[in-house]
Amino acid sequence: MLRDQPRPTLPERTRPVLPEIWLFTDRRNDAGLARAIKRLPRGSGIVFRHYHLQDAERKRRFETVKRLARRHGHMLFLAGTPVLARLWRAEGIYGQVGRRSETRGLLHGAPVHNAREIRQAKRTGADIFFLSPIFSTRSHPGQPPMNSLQMQRLATLCDGAVICLGGMNRHRYRSRKNRLTHGWAAIDAFN
């Protein structure tokens, strides 16, 4: 076929490259958040949570984070509803959703802690499985961390990118990284 002839089919839509490093926003990292976002490697991911803020204040804070994320080439997910993620122009949604159709047009990152939650996330079409807690974490005090075998068993059940979460930093991720994991996420590691 010559180059100037029409293609018989449209090219397949390519999926975006998923970041290997993710920053979760939270009340406890809010004061240093701008600095943390700037320190992330270009093309990292950010999950905006900030559950502690009221709606209007949360929206303003999201817009500030979105400007920083865009400037540094980061992907931004919103913890909230798919409707809100579309309205606020996030690339993805973080959380459990009821039906696969709800996330159409958005990437979907699901928090998973056990096989039941992984099955639910798969039913709703999750693209990214944020598996935790890999290590002890302040976010889930008292919850025992996974050992390497538990982590591998649960990662095997996932049908997408597995991101290790819970007490993570670069060194800890390297100690647990395996062929099933795509990357790691943290709240405090970037402060």
Protein backbone atom coordinates (compact mmCIF):
# COMPACT_ATOMS: atom_id res chain seq x y z
CA MET A 1 0.00 0.00 0.00
CA LEU A 2 1.30 3.44 -0.88
CA ARG A 3 1.70 6.02 1.87
CA ASP A 4 -0.83 8.44 0.41
CA GLN A 5 -3.59 5.84 0.15
CA PRO A 6 -6.18 5.75 2.93
CA ARG A 7 -5.73 3.22 5.69
CA PRO A 8 -8.22 0.37 5.65
CA THR A 9 -8.75 0.74 9.42
CA LEU A 10 -8.14 3.44 11.95
CA PRO A 11 -5.05 3.05 14.10
CA GLU A 12 -5.68 1.57 17.53
CA ARG A 13 -5.95 4.10 20.33
CA THR A 14 -2.90 3.70 22.49
CA ARG A 15 -3.18 3.63 26.24
CA PRO A 16 -1.14 6.16 28.18
CA VAL A 17 2.04 5.04 29.83
CA LEU A 18 1.23 4.45 33.47
CA PRO A 19 3.57 6.08 35.99
CA GLU A 20 5.76 3.87 38.15
CA ILE A 21 5.92 6.35 41.04
CA TRP A 22 2.80 7.83 42.67
CA LEU A 23 2.30 10.49 45.32
CA PHE A 24 -0.88 10.36 47.40
CA THR A 25 -2.00 13.71 48.80
CA ASP A 26 -3.18 13.92 52.36
CA ARG A 27 -3.58 16.34 55.25
CA ARG A 28 -0.22 15.28 56.61
CA ASN A 29 1.76 16.13 53.45
CA ASP A 30 -0.22 19.24 52.46
CA ALA A 31 2.25 21.82 53.82
CA GLY A 32 5.09 20.45 51.66
CA LEU A 33 2.98 19.27 48.73
CA ALA A 34 4.26 21.76 46.12
CA ARG A 35 7.85 20.84 46.97
CA ALA A 36 7.04 17.11 46.84
CA ILE A 37 5.38 17.43 43.42
CA LYS A 38 8.42 19.28 42.05
CA ARG A 39 10.74 16.56 43.42
CA LEU A 40 8.86 13.73 41.70
CA PRO A 41 10.47 12.34 38.54
CA ARG A 42 8.77 13.75 35.43
CA GLY A 43 5.81 11.60 34.39
CA SER A 44 4.93 10.42 37.90
CA GLY A 45 1.37 10.01 39.14
CA ILE A 46 -0.52 11.94 41.80
CA VAL A 47 -3.66 10.76 43.58
CA PHE A 48 -5.43 13.80 44.98
CA ARG A 49 -7.33 12.87 48.15
CA HIS A 50 -7.53 15.78 50.61
CA TYR A 51 -10.66 14.30 52.17
CA HIS A 52 -10.29 16.69 55.11
CA LEU A 53 -11.30 19.76 53.06
CA GLN A 54 -14.80 21.05 52.38
CA ASP A 55 -15.95 20.89 48.74
CA ALA A 56 -15.10 24.45 47.63
CA GLU A 57 -11.73 24.45 49.38
CA ARG A 58 -10.96 20.95 48.05
CA LYS A 59 -11.70 22.12 44.49
CA ARG A 60 -9.37 25.13 44.87
CA ARG A 61 -6.61 22.93 46.25
CA PHE A 62 -7.12 20.45 43.41
CA GLU A 63 -6.73 23.24 40.83
CA THR A 64 -3.44 24.30 42.41
CA VAL A 65 -2.16 20.72 42.38
CA LYS A 66 -3.38 20.25 38.79
CA ARG A 67 -1.39 23.27 37.57
CA LEU A 68 1.76 21.92 39.25
CA ALA A 69 1.13 18.41 37.95
CA ARG A 70 0.70 19.62 34.35
CA ARG A 71 3.80 21.82 34.57
CA HIS A 72 5.90 18.83 35.65
CA GLY A 73 4.33 16.25 33.32
CA HIS A 74 2.54 14.25 36.01
CA MET A 75 -0.69 12.27 35.68
CA LEU A 76 -3.43 13.31 38.12
CA PHE A 77 -6.16 11.10 39.57
CA LEU A 78 -9.00 12.28 41.79
CA ALA A 79 -10.25 10.29 44.76
CA GLY A 80 -13.97 10.80 44.33
CA THR A 81 -16.71 10.01 41.89
CA PRO A 82 -16.14 9.53 38.16
CA VAL A 83 -18.55 12.40 37.51
CA LEU A 84 -16.44 14.72 39.68
CA ALA A 85 -13.19 13.48 38.09
CA ARG A 86 -14.54 14.37 34.63
CA LEU A 87 -15.84 17.73 35.83
CA TRP A 88 -12.50 18.61 37.44
CA ARG A 89 -10.61 17.25 34.38
CA ALA A 90 -8.54 14.59 36.10
CA GLU A 91 -6.99 11.83 33.99
CA GLY A 92 -8.29 9.17 36.29
CA ILE A 93 -10.37 8.16 39.25
CA TYR A 94 -9.13 6.55 42.46
CA GLY A 95 -11.50 4.39 44.47
CA GLN A 96 -13.98 1.58 44.20
CA VAL A 97 -16.84 2.14 41.76
CA GLY A 98 -20.10 0.27 41.24
CA ARG A 99 -20.00 -0.43 37.48
CA ARG A 100 -17.41 -0.50 34.71
CA SER A 101 -19.47 1.96 32.65
CA GLU A 102 -19.03 4.66 35.32
CA THR A 103 -15.32 5.08 34.55
CA ARG A 104 -15.62 5.28 30.75
CA GLY A 105 -13.06 7.78 29.45
CA LEU A 106 -11.05 7.75 32.68
CA LEU A 107 -8.27 5.56 33.96
CA HIS A 108 -9.35 3.71 37.08
CA GLY A 109 -7.08 3.08 40.06
CA ALA A 110 -8.54 0.90 42.78
CA PRO A 111 -7.30 0.43 46.35
CA VAL A 112 -7.03 -3.29 47.09
CA HIS A 113 -6.11 -5.07 50.32
CA ASN A 114 -7.37 -8.61 49.75
CA ALA A 115 -8.68 -11.06 47.13
CA ARG A 116 -12.31 -9.90 47.51
CA GLU A 117 -11.40 -6.28 46.77
CA ILE A 118 -9.27 -7.39 43.81
CA ARG A 119 -12.23 -9.32 42.35
CA GLN A 120 -14.45 -6.23 42.79
CA ALA A 121 -11.85 -3.97 41.13
CA LYS A 122 -11.52 -6.39 38.20
CA ARG A 123 -15.31 -6.47 37.72
CA THR A 124 -15.34 -2.69 37.46
CA GLY A 125 -12.44 -2.56 35.00
CA ALA A 126 -9.62 -1.20 37.15
CA ASP A 127 -6.48 -0.32 35.19
CA ILE A 128 -4.28 0.06 38.28
CA PHE A 129 -4.37 -1.94 41.51
CA PHE A 130 -2.94 -0.01 44.49
CA LEU A 131 -2.02 -2.99 46.69
CA SER A 132 -1.53 -2.32 50.39
CA PRO A 133 -0.27 -2.37 53.07
CA ILE A 134 3.08 -3.72 51.94
CA PHE A 135 4.77 -2.33 55.07
CA SER A 136 3.37 -0.88 58.29
CA THR A 137 1.80 2.48 57.62
CA ARG A 138 0.39 5.44 59.50
CA SER A 139 -2.64 5.37 57.19
CA HIS A 140 -3.76 1.98 58.55
CA PRO A 141 -2.41 1.76 62.11
CA GLY A 142 -2.58 -1.71 63.55
CA GLN A 143 -3.17 -3.43 60.21
CA PRO A 144 -0.47 -6.04 59.69
CA PRO A 145 1.68 -5.58 56.58
CA MET A 146 1.89 -8.26 53.89
CA ASN A 147 4.83 -10.58 53.70
CA SER A 148 6.45 -11.19 50.30
CA LEU A 149 4.44 -14.34 49.63
CA GLN A 150 1.09 -12.66 50.41
CA MET A 151 2.02 -9.71 48.21
CA GLN A 152 2.95 -11.98 45.31
CA ARG A 153 -0.20 -14.09 45.69
CA LEU A 154 -2.45 -11.02 45.62
CA ALA A 155 -0.50 -9.37 42.77
CA THR A 156 -1.04 -12.54 40.71
CA LEU A 157 -4.81 -12.02 40.97
CA CYS A 158 -4.67 -8.49 39.51
CA ASP A 159 -5.36 -7.84 35.81
CA GLY A 160 -3.50 -4.56 35.51
CA ALA A 161 -0.59 -2.55 36.82
CA VAL A 162 0.16 -3.33 40.47
CA ILE A 163 1.38 -0.38 42.51
CA CYS A 164 2.78 -1.16 45.98
CA LEU A 165 1.47 1.10 48.71
CA GLY A 166 1.85 1.29 52.47
CA GLY A 167 5.02 2.46 54.17
CA MET A 168 6.74 2.59 50.80
CA ASN A 169 9.81 4.46 49.65
CA ARG A 170 12.29 3.81 46.82
CA HIS A 171 14.51 1.51 48.91
CA ARG A 172 11.61 -0.54 50.28
CA TYR A 173 10.11 -0.92 46.80
CA ARG A 174 13.39 -2.28 45.47
CA SER A 175 13.41 -4.85 48.28
CA ARG A 176 9.91 -6.13 47.29
CA LYS A 177 9.82 -5.44 43.55
CA ASN A 178 9.09 -8.47 41.38
CA ARG A 179 7.87 -9.24 37.84
CA LEU A 180 4.25 -8.62 38.90
CA THR A 181 4.72 -5.11 40.26
CA HIS A 182 4.70 -1.97 38.13
CA GLY A 183 5.71 0.62 40.72
CA TRP A 184 5.14 2.15 44.13
CA ALA A 185 3.20 4.91 45.85
CA ALA A 186 3.60 6.87 49.07
CA ILE A 187 2.37 9.79 51.13
CA ASP A 188 5.36 10.62 53.32
CA ALA A 189 8.32 9.43 51.22
CA PHE A 190 8.53 12.64 49.17
CA ASN A 191 8.56 15.16 52.05
